[in-house]
Amino acid sequence: YSGHENKVKENLEKRVESMGLQDCLFNIVIPEHEVLRTMYHASSVIIISTKTYPGNIFLTLLIFLPSLISVSTCSGITILNRQSCNPIDSTS
């Protein structure tokens, strides 16, 4: 759900640790970007971090049954989108 990304990330990290799957889940990312906001009444500029894809987290994990079960049954995860099991170059 949107606004619960940090809570889901913490739940998933605890779940992976309790199941001993640290070698399978490599990265959990909440996509965010910084936005400059001008405060005219205060004559200042502030940087605000906003979610790029609200309600979504991105995972890098080894795809095999125990890791998929641990992720898909974790509290707060409603849909696990696995359109492709092919490796994707995340640097491009």
C-alpha atoms as a PDB file:
ATOM      1  CA  TYR A   1       0.000   0.000   0.000  1.00  0.00           C
ATOM      2  CA  SER A   2       1.151   3.526  -0.689  1.00  0.00           C
ATOM      3  CA  GLY A   3       2.766   5.095   2.365  1.00  0.00           C
ATOM      4  CA  HIS A   4       3.697   1.747   3.923  1.00  0.00           C
ATOM      5  CA  GLU A   5       6.818   1.052   1.881  1.00  0.00           C
ATOM      6  CA  ASN A   6       9.268   1.471   4.783  1.00  0.00           C
ATOM      7  CA  LYS A   7       7.181  -0.769   7.041  1.00  0.00           C
ATOM      8  CA  VAL A   8       6.984  -3.472   4.357  1.00  0.00           C
ATOM      9  CA  LYS A   9      10.747  -3.226   3.809  1.00  0.00           C
ATOM     10  CA  GLU A  10      11.384  -3.722   7.547  1.00  0.00           C
ATOM     11  CA  ASN A  11       8.929  -6.661   7.682  1.00  0.00           C
ATOM     12  CA  LEU A  12      10.585  -8.271   4.691  1.00  0.00           C
ATOM     13  CA  GLU A  13      14.088  -7.841   6.146  1.00  0.00           C
ATOM     14  CA  LYS A  14      12.962  -9.468   9.416  1.00  0.00           C
ATOM     15  CA  ARG A  15      11.227 -12.288   7.535  1.00  0.00           C
ATOM     16  CA  VAL A  16      14.292 -13.050   5.411  1.00  0.00           C
ATOM     17  CA  GLU A  17      16.528 -13.050   8.493  1.00  0.00           C
ATOM     18  CA  SER A  18      14.211 -15.327  10.476  1.00  0.00           C
ATOM     19  CA  MET A  19      14.011 -17.806   7.591  1.00  0.00           C
ATOM     20  CA  GLY A  20      17.772 -17.721   6.984  1.00  0.00           C
ATOM     21  CA  LEU A  21      17.468 -16.495   3.410  1.00  0.00           C
ATOM     22  CA  GLN A  22      20.019 -13.660   3.620  1.00  0.00           C
ATOM     23  CA  ASP A  23      21.974 -15.213   0.738  1.00  0.00           C
ATOM     24  CA  CYS A  24      18.909 -15.054  -1.512  1.00  0.00           C
ATOM     25  CA  LEU A  25      17.660 -11.486  -1.052  1.00  0.00           C
ATOM     26  CA  PHE A  26      20.298  -9.005  -2.100  1.00  0.00           C
ATOM     27  CA  ASN A  27      18.608  -5.641  -2.280  1.00  0.00           C
ATOM     28  CA  ILE A  28      15.365  -3.931  -1.264  1.00  0.00           C
ATOM     29  CA  VAL A  29      14.827  -0.510  -2.837  1.00  0.00           C
ATOM     30  CA  ILE A  30      12.113   2.044  -2.276  1.00  0.00           C
ATOM     31  CA  PRO A  31      12.374   4.201  -5.426  1.00  0.00           C
ATOM     32  CA  GLU A  32      12.588   7.857  -4.453  1.00  0.00           C
ATOM     33  CA  HIS A  33      13.810  11.055  -6.031  1.00  0.00           C
ATOM     34  CA  GLU A  34      14.570  14.486  -4.635  1.00  0.00           C
ATOM     35  CA  VAL A  35      12.493  17.505  -5.579  1.00  0.00           C
ATOM     36  CA  LEU A  36      13.479  21.110  -4.955  1.00  0.00           C
ATOM     37  CA  ARG A  37      10.629  23.172  -3.530  1.00  0.00           C
ATOM     38  CA  THR A  38      10.786  26.943  -3.320  1.00  0.00           C
ATOM     39  CA  MET A  39       9.218  28.440  -0.241  1.00  0.00           C
ATOM     40  CA  TYR A  40       8.280  31.947  -1.371  1.00  0.00           C
ATOM     41  CA  HIS A  41       7.121  33.176   2.011  1.00  0.00           C
ATOM     42  CA  ALA A  42      10.421  32.097   3.613  1.00  0.00           C
ATOM     43  CA  SER A  43      12.613  32.876   0.564  1.00  0.00           C
ATOM     44  CA  SER A  44      14.288  29.499   0.767  1.00  0.00           C
ATOM     45  CA  VAL A  45      14.600  26.292  -1.180  1.00  0.00           C
ATOM     46  CA  ILE A  46      14.078  22.914   0.476  1.00  0.00           C
ATOM     47  CA  ILE A  47      14.735  19.420  -0.817  1.00  0.00           C
ATOM     48  CA  ILE A  48      11.894  16.944  -0.446  1.00  0.00           C
ATOM     49  CA  SER A  49      12.221  13.228  -1.109  1.00  0.00           C
ATOM     50  CA  THR A  50       9.193  11.869  -2.962  1.00  0.00           C
ATOM     51  CA  LYS A  51       8.337   8.345  -4.013  1.00  0.00           C
ATOM     52  CA  THR A  52       8.864   7.624  -7.720  1.00  0.00           C
ATOM     53  CA  TYR A  53       6.458   4.664  -7.701  1.00  0.00           C
ATOM     54  CA  PRO A  54       4.191   5.031  -4.645  1.00  0.00           C
ATOM     55  CA  GLY A  55       3.205   1.700  -3.131  1.00  0.00           C
ATOM     56  CA  ASN A  56       6.028  -0.237  -4.795  1.00  0.00           C
ATOM     57  CA  ILE A  57       9.306  -1.703  -3.638  1.00  0.00           C
ATOM     58  CA  PHE A  58      11.890  -3.363  -5.851  1.00  0.00           C
ATOM     59  CA  LEU A  59      13.736  -6.530  -4.873  1.00  0.00           C
ATOM     60  CA  THR A  60      16.828  -8.252  -6.140  1.00  0.00           C
ATOM     61  CA  LEU A  61      16.630 -11.900  -5.165  1.00  0.00           C
ATOM     62  CA  LEU A  62      17.436 -15.402  -6.291  1.00  0.00           C
ATOM     63  CA  ILE A  63      14.286 -16.909  -7.724  1.00  0.00           C
ATOM     64  CA  PHE A  64      13.553 -20.264  -6.147  1.00  0.00           C
ATOM     65  CA  LEU A  65      10.599 -21.552  -4.171  1.00  0.00           C
ATOM     66  CA  PRO A  66      11.619 -20.658  -0.569  1.00  0.00           C
ATOM     67  CA  SER A  67      12.538 -17.068  -1.474  1.00  0.00           C
ATOM     68  CA  LEU A  68       9.340 -16.564  -3.484  1.00  0.00           C
ATOM     69  CA  ILE A  69       7.200 -17.966  -0.680  1.00  0.00           C
ATOM     70  CA  SER A  70       8.901 -15.807   1.951  1.00  0.00           C
ATOM     71  CA  VAL A  71       8.404 -12.658  -0.140  1.00  0.00           C
ATOM     72  CA  SER A  72       4.868 -13.339  -1.354  1.00  0.00           C
ATOM     73  CA  THR A  73       3.561 -14.242   2.110  1.00  0.00           C
ATOM     74  CA  CYS A  74       5.235 -11.319   3.892  1.00  0.00           C
ATOM     75  CA  SER A  75       2.911  -8.894   5.646  1.00  0.00           C
ATOM     76  CA  GLY A  76       2.121  -5.855   3.486  1.00  0.00           C
ATOM     77  CA  ILE A  77       2.933  -7.434   0.124  1.00  0.00           C
ATOM     78  CA  THR A  78      -0.236  -7.844  -1.894  1.00  0.00           C
ATOM     79  CA  ILE A  79       1.084  -8.557  -5.409  1.00  0.00           C
ATOM     80  CA  LEU A  80       4.376 -10.086  -6.446  1.00  0.00           C
ATOM     81  CA  ASN A  81       4.980  -9.190 -10.083  1.00  0.00           C
ATOM     82  CA  ARG A  82       7.217 -11.806 -11.708  1.00  0.00           C
ATOM     83  CA  GLN A  83       6.725 -11.116 -15.387  1.00  0.00           C
ATOM     84  CA  SER A  84      10.151 -12.386 -16.346  1.00  0.00           C
ATOM     85  CA  CYS A  85      12.649 -14.672 -14.700  1.00  0.00           C
ATOM     86  CA  ASN A  86      15.377 -13.517 -17.063  1.00  0.00           C
ATOM     87  CA  PRO A  87      18.204 -11.447 -15.578  1.00  0.00           C
ATOM     88  CA  ILE A  88      17.848  -7.708 -16.151  1.00  0.00           C
ATOM     89  CA  ASP A  89      20.782  -5.306 -16.257  1.00  0.00           C
ATOM     90  CA  SER A  90      19.902  -2.878 -13.462  1.00  0.00           C
ATOM     91  CA  THR A  91      22.663  -0.426 -14.421  1.00  0.00           C
ATOM     92  CA  SER A  92      21.056   0.640 -17.704  1.00  0.00           C
END
